[in-house]
């Protein structure tokens, strides 16, 4: 059995050999089927890529993903927000990846809130409230702060930062897509250069020097104008806002659910475990915590027999 998580930007696969993550931007016509042909065996699948803007509706995206996956895995099972597996396109398949994680981890961590921070979003999941989670859409999760739409790599800096202090001057930022959260986290040492696993906003390099140049552009400057110190200031201020946004969502869900602890997953797991006093699931699960929904749907399918 293999577990597959089809996101809008990334394809994640967990099999007996480990974790495999492929940059797979659906809106750019990425070869999903070709990537999947590298793997064999029965497949259990979750998705969130149906929201990619190449599809006119979620159902169109669901139908395309199901059809494409089944070209490679004709007997594939698809997990839905009704906590059941399906073989055909149904609305419940939209963005059920986080629920698979809750289904898998709930009995093991009933006293915890899961924070799964990926390249694009952060999922905040009260693991002891599984029955209350069934049927939630992304719209409902946004409203409950169970979904925070910011991540470690692909967030436009200007979506969170409206003004930055450069030197000692408050400076409005440009709303162009000049820099991404990957630039921030690279400059601040939260990810290595190899962890910059998405295209840079300018299509350029993914080195620290290139990231500093992009951050300077956020205030319509060259790096020579504001210096490395100015670019680092921008990064630090974005991180302060992003951290606060996610931390407040976690605090709200912890308070409402009565949870006693926080467990973290995804590429932001170690960073947020340190920041929020949580435990990174990699310590208990190993590398599969970096692709938690793919691992989780595999385990749920094994446990339930695909029902």
Protein backbone atom coordinates (compact mmCIF):
# COMPACT_ATOMS: atom_id res chain seq x y z
CA UNK A 1 0.00 0.00 0.00
CA UNK A 2 1.23 3.49 -0.85
CA UNK A 3 -0.16 6.80 0.38
CA UNK A 4 -0.57 9.72 -2.01
CA UNK A 5 -1.32 13.37 -1.24
CA UNK A 6 -2.10 15.41 -4.36
CA UNK A 7 -1.71 19.09 -3.52
CA UNK A 8 -1.95 22.04 -5.84
CA UNK A 9 1.80 22.60 -5.73
CA UNK A 10 3.30 19.37 -4.40
CA UNK A 11 2.79 15.66 -4.83
CA UNK A 12 3.74 13.60 -1.78
CA UNK A 13 4.05 9.82 -1.77
CA UNK A 14 4.81 7.51 1.14
CA UNK A 15 5.75 3.90 0.43
CA UNK A 16 7.94 1.22 2.00
CA UNK A 17 11.03 3.04 0.71
CA UNK A 18 10.16 6.27 2.52
CA UNK A 19 8.91 9.75 1.63
CA UNK A 20 8.96 11.20 -1.87
CA UNK A 21 8.04 14.85 -2.49
CA UNK A 22 7.74 16.25 -6.02
CA UNK A 23 7.07 19.85 -7.00
CA UNK A 24 3.95 19.40 -9.11
CA UNK A 25 2.12 22.70 -9.87
CA UNK A 26 -1.21 21.57 -11.28
CA UNK A 27 -2.03 25.05 -12.58
CA UNK A 28 1.00 24.78 -14.88
CA UNK A 29 -0.02 21.41 -16.30
CA UNK A 30 2.44 19.37 -14.23
CA UNK A 31 2.70 15.71 -15.35
CA UNK A 32 0.93 14.13 -12.38
CA UNK A 33 0.41 10.75 -14.05
CA UNK A 34 4.04 10.52 -15.16
CA UNK A 35 5.26 11.23 -11.64
CA UNK A 36 2.95 8.59 -10.20
CA UNK A 37 4.18 5.93 -12.63
CA UNK A 38 7.37 5.70 -10.59
CA UNK A 39 5.40 3.89 -7.88
CA UNK A 40 3.59 0.57 -7.67
CA UNK A 41 1.08 -1.11 -5.40
CA UNK A 42 -2.44 -0.44 -4.11
CA UNK A 43 -2.94 3.28 -3.51
CA UNK A 44 -4.82 5.34 -0.94
CA UNK A 45 -5.20 8.99 -1.89
CA UNK A 46 -6.04 12.37 -0.39
CA UNK A 47 -6.09 15.68 -2.22
CA UNK A 48 -6.21 19.44 -1.90
CA UNK A 49 -5.20 20.24 -5.47
CA UNK A 50 -8.80 20.55 -6.61
CA UNK A 51 -8.61 24.22 -5.60
CA UNK A 52 -5.91 25.00 -8.18
CA UNK A 53 -7.09 27.84 -10.38
CA UNK A 54 -6.73 25.80 -13.57
CA UNK A 55 -10.06 24.23 -12.57
CA UNK A 56 -13.32 26.15 -12.86
CA UNK A 57 -14.74 24.43 -9.78
CA UNK A 58 -13.70 22.05 -7.04
CA UNK A 59 -15.70 19.23 -8.66
CA UNK A 60 -13.86 19.72 -11.94
CA UNK A 61 -10.57 19.47 -10.05
CA UNK A 62 -11.70 16.41 -8.09
CA UNK A 63 -12.82 14.65 -11.27
CA UNK A 64 -9.53 15.40 -13.03
CA UNK A 65 -7.39 14.22 -10.11
CA UNK A 66 -9.40 11.03 -9.66
CA UNK A 67 -9.23 10.25 -13.38
CA UNK A 68 -5.50 10.99 -13.57
CA UNK A 69 -4.61 8.92 -10.50
CA UNK A 70 -6.73 6.01 -11.71
CA UNK A 71 -4.89 5.99 -15.03
CA UNK A 72 -1.95 4.71 -13.00
CA UNK A 73 -3.74 3.05 -10.08
CA UNK A 74 -7.12 1.78 -11.38
CA UNK A 75 -8.18 0.51 -7.95
CA UNK A 76 -7.14 3.61 -6.03
CA UNK A 77 -9.15 4.57 -2.95
CA UNK A 78 -9.84 8.24 -2.20
CA UNK A 79 -10.41 9.47 1.35
CA UNK A 80 -13.09 12.10 1.94
CA UNK A 81 -14.18 14.62 4.54
CA UNK A 82 -16.88 12.12 5.52
CA UNK A 83 -14.07 9.90 6.87
CA UNK A 84 -14.82 7.25 4.28
CA UNK A 85 -13.10 5.95 1.16
CA UNK A 86 -14.54 6.42 -2.31
CA UNK A 87 -13.72 5.10 -5.77
CA UNK A 88 -15.45 7.82 -7.80
CA UNK A 89 -15.37 11.64 -7.80
CA UNK A 90 -17.61 13.04 -5.04
CA UNK A 91 -17.62 16.48 -3.37
CA UNK A 92 -16.36 15.01 -0.09
CA UNK A 93 -12.93 14.42 -1.62
CA UNK A 94 -12.15 18.15 -1.58
CA UNK A 95 -9.32 18.95 0.86
CA UNK A 96 -9.63 15.90 3.09
CA UNK A 97 -5.90 15.49 3.64
CA UNK A 98 -5.92 17.09 7.12
CA UNK A 99 -8.81 14.82 8.22
CA UNK A 100 -6.83 11.74 7.24
CA UNK A 101 -4.09 12.98 9.57
CA UNK A 102 -6.63 13.37 12.38
CA UNK A 103 -8.09 9.93 11.66
CA UNK A 104 -4.65 8.38 11.86
CA UNK A 105 -3.35 10.21 14.94
CA UNK A 106 -6.45 10.73 17.07
CA UNK A 107 -6.16 7.61 19.20
CA UNK A 108 -2.43 8.07 19.72
CA UNK A 109 -2.57 11.78 20.59
CA UNK A 110 -6.10 12.47 21.89
CA UNK A 111 -4.86 15.24 24.17
CA UNK A 112 -3.07 17.20 21.43
CA UNK A 113 -3.59 19.83 18.79
CA UNK A 114 -1.77 19.03 15.57
CA UNK A 115 -0.04 21.88 13.75
CA UNK A 116 1.02 20.80 10.26
CA UNK A 117 2.91 23.63 8.53
CA UNK A 118 3.71 22.99 4.88
CA UNK A 119 4.92 25.05 1.95
CA UNK A 120 1.61 26.88 1.50
CA UNK A 121 -0.71 26.45 4.48
CA UNK A 122 -0.88 25.55 8.16
CA UNK A 123 -3.46 23.05 9.42
CA UNK A 124 -4.53 23.34 13.06
CA UNK A 125 -6.37 20.18 14.12
CA UNK A 126 -7.79 19.29 17.55
CA UNK A 127 -7.08 15.56 17.52
CA UNK A 128 -9.45 14.76 20.37
CA UNK A 129 -12.49 16.14 18.51
CA UNK A 130 -12.58 13.84 15.48
CA UNK A 131 -16.37 13.50 15.26
CA UNK A 132 -16.70 17.30 15.21
CA UNK A 133 -14.24 17.53 12.31
CA UNK A 134 -16.10 15.28 9.90
CA UNK A 135 -17.65 17.19 7.03
CA UNK A 136 -15.71 20.43 7.48
CA UNK A 137 -14.83 22.25 4.27
CA UNK A 138 -11.86 24.56 3.81
CA UNK A 139 -14.27 27.49 4.10
CA UNK A 140 -15.44 26.27 7.50
CA UNK A 141 -11.87 25.58 8.59
CA UNK A 142 -10.78 29.08 7.67
CA UNK A 143 -13.65 30.46 9.73
CA UNK A 144 -12.72 28.27 12.72
CA UNK A 145 -8.98 29.06 12.35
CA UNK A 146 -8.34 25.38 11.68
CA UNK A 147 -6.76 26.46 8.38
CA UNK A 148 -4.28 29.33 8.24
CA UNK A 149 -3.38 30.19 4.67
CA UNK A 150 0.31 30.86 5.04
CA UNK A 151 3.26 28.51 4.77
CA UNK A 152 7.00 28.11 4.87
CA UNK A 153 7.74 28.58 1.17
CA UNK A 154 5.03 29.94 -1.11
CA UNK A 155 3.43 32.87 0.73
CA UNK A 156 3.84 36.25 -0.96
CA UNK A 157 5.58 38.46 1.61
CA UNK A 158 3.24 41.34 0.73
CA UNK A 159 0.13 39.35 1.72
CA UNK A 160 1.09 39.56 5.40
CA UNK A 161 3.38 42.56 5.59
CA UNK A 162 1.81 45.92 4.70
CA UNK A 163 4.62 48.05 6.05
CA UNK A 164 8.19 47.37 7.10
CA UNK A 165 10.55 49.46 9.17
CA UNK A 166 13.74 49.89 7.14
CA UNK A 167 16.41 51.64 9.11
CA UNK A 168 14.12 53.59 11.39
CA UNK A 169 11.55 54.53 8.78
CA UNK A 170 8.14 52.86 8.44
CA UNK A 171 7.93 51.96 4.76
CA UNK A 172 4.85 50.72 2.85
CA UNK A 173 5.62 47.60 0.82
CA UNK A 174 4.96 46.87 -2.82
CA UNK A 175 2.18 44.36 -3.42
CA UNK A 176 4.06 42.80 -6.34
CA UNK A 177 5.17 39.21 -5.91
CA UNK A 178 8.78 40.16 -5.30
CA UNK A 179 9.60 37.82 -2.41
CA UNK A 180 8.17 34.69 -0.83
CA UNK A 181 8.18 33.19 2.63
CA UNK A 182 10.93 30.85 1.41
CA UNK A 183 13.19 33.91 1.07
CA UNK A 184 12.37 34.93 4.64
CA UNK A 185 13.00 31.52 6.15
CA UNK A 186 16.19 31.00 4.17
CA UNK A 187 17.61 34.38 5.24
CA UNK A 188 16.68 33.75 8.87
CA UNK A 189 18.22 30.27 8.85
CA UNK A 190 14.94 28.41 9.31
CA UNK A 191 15.47 26.36 6.15
CA UNK A 192 18.66 25.41 4.25
CA UNK A 193 19.18 26.36 0.62
CA UNK A 194 18.21 22.79 -0.32
CA UNK A 195 14.90 23.35 1.47
CA UNK A 196 13.92 26.11 -0.96
CA UNK A 197 11.80 23.59 -2.82
CA UNK A 198 9.76 25.86 -5.06
CA UNK A 199 10.57 28.31 -7.84
CA UNK A 200 11.71 31.72 -6.63
CA UNK A 201 9.34 34.62 -7.41
CA UNK A 202 11.77 36.01 -9.99
CA UNK A 203 12.68 32.60 -11.36
CA UNK A 204 16.21 33.19 -10.07
CA UNK A 205 18.53 31.49 -7.63
CA UNK A 206 17.61 30.03 -4.30
CA UNK A 207 20.73 31.15 -2.47
CA UNK A 208 20.77 33.44 0.55
CA UNK A 209 22.23 36.23 -1.56
CA UNK A 210 19.41 35.94 -4.10
CA UNK A 211 16.83 35.88 -1.31
CA UNK A 212 18.25 39.08 0.18
CA UNK A 213 17.95 40.80 -3.21
CA UNK A 214 14.32 39.75 -3.52
CA UNK A 215 13.50 40.98 -0.03
CA UNK A 216 14.98 44.39 -0.87
CA UNK A 217 12.59 44.60 -3.83
CA UNK A 218 9.64 44.36 -1.42
CA UNK A 219 10.31 48.02 -0.60
CA UNK A 220 11.21 48.83 -4.23
CA UNK A 221 14.93 48.92 -3.45
CA UNK A 222 18.12 47.30 -4.56
CA UNK A 223 20.11 45.50 -1.92
CA UNK A 224 22.79 48.15 -2.27
CA UNK A 225 20.27 50.80 -1.16
CA UNK A 226 19.18 49.21 2.11
CA UNK A 227 22.03 46.80 2.74
CA UNK A 228 21.83 43.28 4.08
CA UNK A 229 20.69 44.70 7.42
CA UNK A 230 17.64 46.29 5.80
CA UNK A 231 16.69 43.10 3.97
CA UNK A 232 17.05 41.07 7.15
CA UNK A 233 14.80 43.59 8.93
CA UNK A 234 12.09 42.90 6.36
CA UNK A 235 12.49 39.16 6.86
CA UNK A 236 12.29 39.49 10.64
CA UNK A 237 9.14 41.59 10.48
CA UNK A 238 7.40 39.17 8.11
CA UNK A 239 8.31 36.28 10.40
CA UNK A 240 6.93 38.14 13.42
CA UNK A 241 3.59 38.58 11.65
CA UNK A 242 3.48 35.03 10.28
CA UNK A 243 4.44 33.47 13.59
CA UNK A 244 1.81 35.51 15.40
CA UNK A 245 -0.91 34.56 12.93
CA UNK A 246 -0.25 30.85 13.33
CA UNK A 247 0.36 31.04 17.09
CA UNK A 248 -2.96 32.81 17.70
CA UNK A 249 -4.82 30.16 15.72
CA UNK A 250 -3.14 27.39 17.71
CA UNK A 251 -3.85 29.12 21.02
CA UNK A 252 -7.52 29.49 20.07
CA UNK A 253 -7.90 25.82 19.13
CA UNK A 254 -6.01 24.63 22.21
CA UNK A 255 -8.28 26.69 24.46
CA UNK A 256 -11.49 25.56 22.74
CA UNK A 257 -10.53 21.88 22.63
CA UNK A 258 -8.99 21.59 26.08
CA UNK A 259 -5.85 20.06 24.60
CA UNK A 260 -2.79 19.65 26.81
CA UNK A 261 -0.08 19.76 24.18
CA UNK A 262 0.90 20.63 20.63
CA UNK A 263 2.41 18.22 18.11
CA UNK A 264 3.91 19.52 14.88
CA UNK A 265 4.43 18.13 11.40
CA UNK A 266 5.39 19.32 7.93
CA UNK A 267 8.45 21.25 6.86
CA UNK A 268 7.81 23.82 9.59
CA UNK A 269 7.60 21.21 12.34
CA UNK A 270 10.91 21.81 14.10
CA UNK A 271 10.65 25.58 13.89
CA UNK A 272 7.15 25.76 15.34
CA UNK A 273 7.83 23.08 17.95
CA UNK A 274 10.55 25.37 19.29
CA UNK A 275 8.48 28.52 19.00
CA UNK A 276 5.28 27.16 20.53
CA UNK A 277 6.65 24.63 23.00
CA UNK A 278 5.41 21.63 21.04
CA UNK A 279 6.79 18.26 20.04
CA UNK A 280 7.81 17.53 16.46
CA UNK A 281 6.20 14.29 15.28
CA UNK A 282 9.38 13.40 13.42
CA UNK A 283 10.73 12.34 16.82
CA UNK A 284 8.09 9.60 17.00
CA UNK A 285 7.16 8.91 13.38
CA UNK A 286 10.40 9.62 11.54
CA UNK A 287 10.54 11.25 8.12
CA UNK A 288 6.91 10.41 7.28
CA UNK A 289 5.93 13.38 9.46
CA UNK A 290 7.17 15.59 6.60
CA UNK A 291 4.38 14.18 4.40
CA UNK A 292 1.87 13.43 7.12
CA UNK A 293 -1.39 13.19 5.10
CA UNK A 294 0.19 10.75 2.62
CA UNK A 295 1.39 8.59 5.50
CA UNK A 296 -1.91 8.96 7.33
CA UNK A 297 -4.18 7.94 4.46
CA UNK A 298 -2.03 4.86 3.93
CA UNK A 299 -2.36 3.89 7.59
CA UNK A 300 -6.12 4.56 7.69
CA UNK A 301 -6.65 2.42 4.57
CA UNK A 302 -4.65 -0.39 6.14
CA UNK A 303 -6.61 -0.14 9.40
CA UNK A 304 -10.07 0.01 7.84
CA UNK A 305 -9.55 -2.11 4.74
CA UNK A 306 -10.50 0.89 2.61
CA UNK A 307 -14.02 1.31 3.98
